């Protein structure tokens, strides 16, 4: 156990300041500071507000994680950070913090991909990921189907959203129904008391000529909004629970159908679902039902590990260390549109290793030693 890599992960791609500490595939600490309440009055995430909140939360959250894990910063084998994709300003706070800690402690730095981290987090709950892994990632910013033969080096996009992400659609429909922000949890709750077959909303990109693994939720969102508007214009009461259930069903029906199809087409016998929307109870239930019918094993982390967190970044960082992947260099930058095909950002310069010796020299007399 003790010889497994001990890694601290920092996640600041959106409005959650997440710091996780992982030893191998064991989660030791998962500290989160969320700025969601500060964004609620704007009805969405405000990048500048998020960046400032990360700045304030960073050091206390790191200290809380170290305390919770019962480890000292000196014991770490590496520091991992989300380098992208995400909000540029928010990512920069995390990358700058990770560089500072790595430099001061003389530890290797790993800039990792937000989406690959969402897949890797499942190792903390269900053990090693099978290879290849088929993953459906659904969140406020992404809806993607990914095939990962090697989570540290080879992630292939099968399909993605061509317009709104699933989580974005939940937020927008919640706004039309005046349910507040974020929309996912409240729609999930109301949908349990509604009839999912009450209203037939469109299923995007499910025609025979459509891209088999791509998603589109923009038409669905417009259709639901128009349906609500027509009811209101006619002076009728909007059946909020039925609308929530029918809308939610349209989203999860398409997500699960395409994911199961991709597994069958690629001959992969299991499916991993991650990202914030994976916390949705109906998505979990329908995926379970359809996977069982198709003979596919379903892996979904517990809801707390599906939303953005530092544990997922630490999990991928630990995997990078375990597989001897090259560390990032000090030129590491935040990349708001980092492609999923790059699970991590390795160092470019051959001089990097000499830099590292220099860091160890610097770190000998620093405040951590």
Protein backbone atom coordinates (compact mmCIF):
# COMPACT_ATOMS: atom_id res chain seq x y z
CA UNK A 1 0.00 0.00 0.00
CA UNK A 2 2.66 2.51 1.04
CA UNK A 3 4.57 2.13 -2.22
CA UNK A 4 1.57 3.24 -4.29
CA UNK A 5 1.87 6.85 -5.51
CA UNK A 6 0.52 9.53 -3.17
CA UNK A 7 -0.84 12.37 -5.31
CA UNK A 8 -2.69 15.62 -4.62
CA UNK A 9 -5.11 16.79 -7.32
CA UNK A 10 -6.46 20.30 -7.92
CA UNK A 11 -9.63 20.95 -9.95
CA UNK A 12 -10.80 24.48 -10.82
CA UNK A 13 -12.33 24.15 -14.30
CA UNK A 14 -15.67 25.71 -13.35
CA UNK A 15 -17.21 26.83 -10.03
CA UNK A 16 -15.92 24.12 -7.70
CA UNK A 17 -12.52 24.38 -6.00
CA UNK A 18 -11.72 20.70 -5.54
CA UNK A 19 -8.65 19.24 -3.84
CA UNK A 20 -8.29 15.48 -3.57
CA UNK A 21 -5.57 13.21 -2.22
CA UNK A 22 -5.24 9.66 -3.51
CA UNK A 23 -2.85 6.80 -2.77
CA UNK A 24 -2.90 4.50 -5.79
CA UNK A 25 -6.63 3.86 -6.23
CA UNK A 26 -7.55 4.68 -2.62
CA UNK A 27 -9.22 8.00 -1.84
CA UNK A 28 -7.76 9.64 1.28
CA UNK A 29 -9.32 13.11 1.08
CA UNK A 30 -11.82 14.98 -1.06
CA UNK A 31 -12.19 18.62 -0.08
CA UNK A 32 -14.49 20.94 -2.04
CA UNK A 33 -15.37 24.62 -1.82
CA UNK A 34 -18.21 25.56 -4.15
CA UNK A 35 -19.10 29.03 -5.35
CA UNK A 36 -22.48 27.87 -6.75
CA UNK A 37 -24.46 30.15 -4.38
CA UNK A 38 -22.55 33.19 -5.62
CA UNK A 39 -23.64 32.36 -9.20
CA UNK A 40 -27.27 31.47 -8.42
CA UNK A 41 -28.44 35.09 -8.50
CA UNK A 42 -27.07 35.40 -12.06
CA UNK A 43 -28.74 32.15 -13.19
CA UNK A 44 -25.45 30.68 -14.40
CA UNK A 45 -21.71 30.55 -13.74
CA UNK A 46 -19.94 33.91 -14.05
CA UNK A 47 -16.28 33.25 -14.98
CA UNK A 48 -14.82 36.25 -13.12
CA UNK A 49 -16.75 35.40 -9.94
CA UNK A 50 -15.60 31.76 -10.20
CA UNK A 51 -11.93 32.73 -10.63
CA UNK A 52 -11.95 35.02 -7.60
CA UNK A 53 -13.70 32.37 -5.50
CA UNK A 54 -11.02 29.80 -6.47
CA UNK A 55 -8.32 32.25 -5.45
CA UNK A 56 -9.84 32.70 -1.99
CA UNK A 57 -10.62 29.02 -1.46
CA UNK A 58 -7.40 27.46 -2.78
CA UNK A 59 -5.00 27.45 0.18
CA UNK A 60 -7.62 26.63 2.87
CA UNK A 61 -8.99 23.79 0.71
CA UNK A 62 -5.51 22.32 0.16
CA UNK A 63 -4.79 22.53 3.88
CA UNK A 64 -8.13 20.90 4.69
CA UNK A 65 -7.39 18.01 2.29
CA UNK A 66 -3.91 17.39 3.74
CA UNK A 67 -5.37 17.37 7.25
CA UNK A 68 -8.22 15.04 6.24
CA UNK A 69 -5.77 12.61 4.56
CA UNK A 70 -3.43 12.74 7.53
CA UNK A 71 -0.42 13.32 5.28
CA UNK A 72 2.16 16.06 5.04
CA UNK A 73 2.75 17.96 1.79
CA UNK A 74 6.35 16.64 1.92
CA UNK A 75 5.05 13.04 1.56
CA UNK A 76 3.44 13.65 -1.83
CA UNK A 77 4.83 11.91 -4.93
CA UNK A 78 3.31 14.43 -7.31
CA UNK A 79 0.80 17.21 -7.84
CA UNK A 80 -1.84 16.92 -10.57
CA UNK A 81 -4.04 19.74 -11.83
CA UNK A 82 -6.78 20.18 -14.42
CA UNK A 83 -5.10 22.00 -17.32
CA UNK A 84 -8.30 22.02 -19.42
CA UNK A 85 -10.90 22.09 -20.79
CA UNK A 86 -12.83 24.65 -18.72
CA UNK A 87 -13.11 28.37 -18.02
CA UNK A 88 -9.74 29.96 -18.82
CA UNK A 89 -9.52 32.22 -15.77
CA UNK A 90 -10.68 29.50 -13.39
CA UNK A 91 -8.19 26.98 -14.82
CA UNK A 92 -5.36 29.49 -14.48
CA UNK A 93 -5.89 29.76 -10.73
CA UNK A 94 -5.59 25.99 -10.34
CA UNK A 95 -2.58 25.66 -12.64
CA UNK A 96 -0.76 28.54 -10.91
CA UNK A 97 -1.43 27.04 -7.48
CA UNK A 98 -0.29 23.57 -8.58
CA UNK A 99 2.93 25.00 -10.05
CA UNK A 100 3.63 26.96 -6.86
CA UNK A 101 3.17 23.93 -4.60
CA UNK A 102 5.11 21.62 -6.94
CA UNK A 103 7.97 24.12 -7.18
CA UNK A 104 8.11 24.82 -3.45
CA UNK A 105 7.96 21.12 -2.57
CA UNK A 106 10.27 19.90 -5.35
CA UNK A 107 7.58 17.53 -6.65
CA UNK A 108 6.68 16.58 -10.25
CA UNK A 109 3.74 18.42 -11.80
CA UNK A 110 1.07 16.73 -13.97
CA UNK A 111 -1.33 18.83 -16.04
CA UNK A 112 -4.26 16.51 -16.80
CA UNK A 113 -7.44 16.55 -18.85
CA UNK A 114 -10.73 17.26 -17.09
CA UNK A 115 -12.66 14.66 -19.11
CA UNK A 116 -10.10 11.88 -18.69
CA UNK A 117 -10.21 12.64 -14.93
CA UNK A 118 -13.99 12.11 -14.89
CA UNK A 119 -13.39 8.61 -16.28
CA UNK A 120 -10.46 7.77 -14.00
CA UNK A 121 -12.34 8.68 -10.80
CA UNK A 122 -14.25 5.41 -11.08
CA UNK A 123 -11.07 3.57 -10.05
CA UNK A 124 -11.51 5.03 -6.57
CA UNK A 125 -14.82 3.23 -6.21
CA UNK A 126 -14.80 0.13 -8.39
CA UNK A 127 -11.09 -0.67 -8.72
CA UNK A 128 -8.96 -0.65 -11.85
CA UNK A 129 -10.61 0.45 -15.09
CA UNK A 130 -10.91 -2.30 -17.68
CA UNK A 131 -9.04 -1.60 -20.92
CA UNK A 132 -10.52 -0.41 -23.16
CA UNK A 133 -13.13 1.54 -21.19
CA UNK A 134 -16.24 2.95 -22.87
CA UNK A 135 -17.31 6.11 -21.07
CA UNK A 136 -20.36 8.35 -21.34
CA UNK A 137 -19.56 11.74 -19.81
CA UNK A 138 -22.47 14.07 -19.21
CA UNK A 139 -22.16 17.41 -17.44
CA UNK A 140 -23.00 21.10 -17.71
CA UNK A 141 -20.28 21.61 -20.29
CA UNK A 142 -19.90 18.25 -22.01
CA UNK A 143 -21.83 15.29 -23.36
CA UNK A 144 -19.34 12.87 -24.86
CA UNK A 145 -18.94 9.20 -25.67
CA UNK A 146 -15.30 8.20 -25.30
CA UNK A 147 -13.33 5.01 -25.83
CA UNK A 148 -10.23 4.82 -23.62
CA UNK A 149 -7.80 1.98 -24.38
CA UNK A 150 -5.35 3.66 -21.95
CA UNK A 151 -6.68 6.44 -19.70
CA UNK A 152 -3.20 8.03 -19.38
CA UNK A 153 -2.30 8.10 -23.06
CA UNK A 154 -5.07 7.03 -25.44
CA UNK A 155 -8.60 8.46 -25.26
CA UNK A 156 -10.69 8.46 -28.46
CA UNK A 157 -13.82 10.55 -29.04
CA UNK A 158 -16.69 8.44 -30.42
CA UNK A 159 -19.32 11.17 -30.28
CA UNK A 160 -20.10 14.49 -28.61
CA UNK A 161 -22.79 17.11 -28.31
CA UNK A 162 -23.08 19.34 -31.38
CA UNK A 163 -24.86 22.11 -29.45
CA UNK A 164 -26.03 22.27 -25.83
CA UNK A 165 -24.60 19.81 -23.32
CA UNK A 166 -27.15 17.77 -21.36
CA UNK A 167 -26.51 19.67 -18.11
CA UNK A 168 -26.93 22.98 -19.91
CA UNK A 169 -30.35 21.85 -21.17
CA UNK A 170 -31.38 20.95 -17.58
CA UNK A 171 -30.35 24.43 -16.39
CA UNK A 172 -32.22 26.18 -19.22
CA UNK A 173 -35.46 24.23 -18.75
CA UNK A 174 -35.25 24.82 -14.99
CA UNK A 175 -34.98 28.53 -15.74
CA UNK A 176 -38.08 28.44 -18.01
CA UNK A 177 -39.96 26.60 -15.24
CA UNK A 178 -38.62 29.16 -12.72
CA UNK A 179 -37.00 26.49 -10.57
CA UNK A 180 -33.69 28.27 -9.96
CA UNK A 181 -30.07 27.27 -10.62
CA UNK A 182 -28.53 24.70 -10.92
CA UNK A 183 -31.38 22.86 -12.67
CA UNK A 184 -30.28 19.21 -12.56
CA UNK A 185 -31.07 18.26 -8.94
CA UNK A 186 -34.44 20.07 -8.81
CA UNK A 187 -35.68 18.58 -12.12
CA UNK A 188 -34.57 15.12 -10.96
CA UNK A 189 -36.54 15.57 -7.73
CA UNK A 190 -39.74 16.85 -9.40
CA UNK A 191 -39.56 14.25 -12.18
CA UNK A 192 -39.93 11.45 -9.63
CA UNK A 193 -43.49 12.65 -9.01
CA UNK A 194 -44.30 13.22 -12.70
CA UNK A 195 -45.26 11.02 -15.65
CA UNK A 196 -42.36 10.56 -18.11
CA UNK A 197 -44.77 9.61 -20.91
CA UNK A 198 -47.15 12.54 -20.35
CA UNK A 199 -45.65 14.63 -23.15
CA UNK A 200 -43.70 13.36 -26.16
CA UNK A 201 -40.67 15.56 -26.60
CA UNK A 202 -38.22 15.05 -29.52
CA UNK A 203 -35.20 12.75 -29.33
CA UNK A 204 -32.32 14.58 -31.06
CA UNK A 205 -30.13 12.88 -33.67
CA UNK A 206 -31.85 9.50 -33.51
CA UNK A 207 -32.81 9.19 -37.19
CA UNK A 208 -31.24 6.55 -39.46
CA UNK A 209 -29.05 9.14 -41.22
CA UNK A 210 -27.91 10.92 -38.04
CA UNK A 211 -24.43 10.50 -36.55
CA UNK A 212 -24.86 7.39 -34.38
CA UNK A 213 -22.97 8.66 -31.32
CA UNK A 214 -23.44 12.43 -31.44
CA UNK A 215 -25.90 14.31 -29.22
CA UNK A 216 -28.09 17.35 -29.73
CA UNK A 217 -30.26 18.89 -27.00
CA UNK A 218 -30.91 22.32 -28.48
CA UNK A 219 -34.06 21.25 -30.39
CA UNK A 220 -35.39 19.46 -27.31
CA UNK A 221 -34.82 22.53 -25.16
CA UNK A 222 -36.65 24.78 -27.67
CA UNK A 223 -39.50 22.28 -27.96
CA UNK A 224 -40.00 22.12 -24.17
CA UNK A 225 -39.80 25.91 -23.84
CA UNK A 226 -42.43 26.37 -26.61
CA UNK A 227 -44.72 23.77 -25.03
CA UNK A 228 -44.56 25.62 -21.68
CA UNK A 229 -45.09 28.98 -23.39
CA UNK A 230 -48.18 27.69 -25.26
CA UNK A 231 -49.71 26.48 -21.98
CA UNK A 232 -49.06 29.82 -20.29
CA UNK A 233 -50.43 31.78 -23.26
CA UNK A 234 -53.62 29.70 -23.13
CA UNK A 235 -53.93 30.63 -19.45
CA UNK A 236 -53.52 27.01 -18.41
CA UNK A 237 -51.47 25.76 -15.50
CA UNK A 238 -48.13 24.17 -16.46
CA UNK A 239 -47.88 20.59 -15.09
CA UNK A 240 -44.34 21.15 -13.80
CA UNK A 241 -43.76 17.57 -12.60
CA UNK A 242 -44.91 16.01 -15.88
CA UNK A 243 -42.84 18.47 -17.92
CA UNK A 244 -39.76 17.71 -15.76
CA UNK A 245 -40.29 13.94 -16.09
CA UNK A 246 -40.97 14.01 -19.84
CA UNK A 247 -38.03 16.31 -20.56
CA UNK A 248 -35.68 14.25 -18.38
CA UNK A 249 -36.84 11.04 -20.08
CA UNK A 250 -36.07 12.49 -23.53
CA UNK A 251 -32.50 13.34 -22.42
CA UNK A 252 -31.65 10.06 -20.66
CA UNK A 253 -33.35 7.94 -23.34
CA UNK A 254 -30.99 9.29 -26.01
CA UNK A 255 -27.89 9.21 -23.78
CA UNK A 256 -28.33 5.58 -22.72
CA UNK A 257 -29.47 4.35 -26.12
CA UNK A 258 -26.38 5.74 -27.86
CA UNK A 259 -23.99 4.59 -25.14
CA UNK A 260 -25.26 1.00 -25.24
CA UNK A 261 -25.09 1.03 -29.03
CA UNK A 262 -21.45 2.20 -28.93
CA UNK A 263 -20.55 -0.62 -26.51
CA UNK A 264 -22.16 -3.21 -28.80
CA UNK A 265 -20.56 -1.77 -31.95
CA UNK A 266 -17.08 -1.71 -30.37
CA UNK A 267 -17.45 -5.06 -28.60
CA UNK A 268 -16.90 -3.51 -25.16
CA UNK A 269 -18.75 -5.36 -22.39
CA UNK A 270 -18.99 -2.57 -19.82
CA UNK A 271 -19.92 1.10 -19.67
CA UNK A 272 -18.69 3.82 -17.31
CA UNK A 273 -20.90 6.91 -16.81
CA UNK A 274 -19.42 10.06 -15.28
CA UNK A 275 -19.81 13.84 -15.07
CA UNK A 276 -22.29 15.91 -13.08
CA UNK A 277 -25.43 14.63 -14.84
CA UNK A 278 -24.40 11.05 -13.90
CA UNK A 279 -25.74 11.96 -10.46
CA UNK A 280 -29.23 11.96 -12.07
CA UNK A 281 -31.28 9.09 -10.61
CA UNK A 282 -33.27 8.38 -13.79
CA UNK A 283 -30.12 8.25 -15.94
CA UNK A 284 -28.64 5.69 -13.53
CA UNK A 285 -31.81 3.58 -13.46
CA UNK A 286 -32.38 3.52 -17.24
CA UNK A 287 -28.68 2.85 -17.94
CA UNK A 288 -28.77 -0.08 -15.50
CA UNK A 289 -31.90 -1.48 -17.15
CA UNK A 290 -30.55 -1.19 -20.70
CA UNK A 291 -27.07 -2.46 -19.82
CA UNK A 292 -28.49 -5.52 -18.08
CA UNK A 293 -30.61 -6.29 -21.13
CA UNK A 294 -27.55 -5.99 -23.40
CA UNK A 295 -25.24 -7.96 -21.10
CA UNK A 296 -23.09 -4.90 -20.37
CA UNK A 297 -21.62 -4.20 -16.94
CA UNK A 298 -22.37 -0.66 -15.73
CA UNK A 299 -19.92 1.34 -13.60
CA UNK A 300 -21.13 4.64 -12.17
CA UNK A 301 -19.28 6.35 -9.30
CA UNK A 302 -21.35 7.63 -6.36
CA UNK A 303 -22.94 11.04 -7.03
CA UNK A 304 -20.32 12.98 -5.03
CA UNK A 305 -17.56 11.69 -7.33
CA UNK A 306 -19.55 12.46 -10.51
CA UNK A 307 -19.64 16.22 -10.04
CA UNK A 308 -16.35 18.14 -10.41
CA UNK A 309 -13.91 17.28 -7.62
CA UNK A 310 -10.19 17.13 -6.86
CA UNK A 311 -10.26 13.37 -6.21
CA UNK A 312 -10.71 12.63 -9.91
CA UNK A 313 -7.67 14.74 -10.82
CA UNK A 314 -5.61 13.03 -8.11
CA UNK A 315 -6.80 9.62 -9.38
CA UNK A 316 -5.55 10.36 -12.90
CA UNK A 317 -2.35 11.90 -11.51
CA UNK A 318 -1.66 8.74 -9.46
CA UNK A 319 -2.18 6.66 -12.60
CA UNK A 320 0.32 8.89 -14.48
CA UNK A 321 2.92 8.37 -11.73
CA UNK A 322 2.23 4.61 -11.54
CA UNK A 323 2.71 4.25 -15.31
CA UNK A 324 5.79 6.47 -15.41
CA UNK A 325 4.23 9.03 -17.71
CA UNK A 326 6.41 12.15 -18.21
CA UNK A 327 5.67 15.05 -15.89
CA UNK A 328 4.62 18.45 -17.25
CA UNK A 329 7.21 21.21 -17.31
CA UNK A 330 7.05 24.69 -15.78
CA UNK A 331 5.73 26.10 -19.07
CA UNK A 332 2.45 24.23 -18.42
CA UNK A 333 -0.46 26.53 -19.26
CA UNK A 334 -4.22 26.36 -18.89
CA UNK A 335 -5.93 25.38 -22.14
CA UNK A 336 -9.68 26.10 -22.09
CA UNK A 337 -10.23 23.86 -25.12
CA UNK A 338 -7.74 21.07 -24.36
CA UNK A 339 -8.81 18.18 -26.63
CA UNK A 340 -9.90 14.94 -24.96
CA UNK A 341 -7.34 13.12 -27.11
CA UNK A 342 -4.72 14.60 -24.76
CA UNK A 343 -5.29 12.98 -21.35
CA UNK A 344 -2.30 14.90 -20.02
CA UNK A 345 0.13 17.62 -21.03
CA UNK A 346 3.66 16.20 -20.89
CA UNK A 347 6.74 18.40 -20.65
CA UNK A 348 8.24 19.58 -23.93
CA UNK A 349 11.76 20.60 -23.06
CA UNK A 350 14.60 18.09 -22.70
CA UNK A 351 16.11 20.48 -20.13
CA UNK A 352 13.08 19.80 -17.96
CA UNK A 353 14.83 17.11 -15.93
CA UNK A 354 17.70 19.45 -15.05
CA UNK A 355 15.11 22.00 -13.98
CA UNK A 356 13.80 19.40 -11.60
CA UNK A 357 17.16 18.88 -9.94
CA UNK A 358 17.32 22.63 -9.52
CA UNK A 359 13.86 22.57 -7.89
CA UNK A 360 15.02 19.99 -5.38
CA UNK A 361 17.94 22.28 -4.53
CA UNK A 362 15.58 25.21 -4.06
CA UNK A 363 13.13 23.13 -2.06
CA UNK A 364 15.68 21.96 0.49
CA UNK A 365 15.50 25.15 2.49
CA UNK A 366 11.95 26.11 1.77
CA UNK A 367 9.25 26.56 4.37
CA UNK A 368 7.98 22.99 3.95
CA UNK A 369 11.21 21.22 4.85
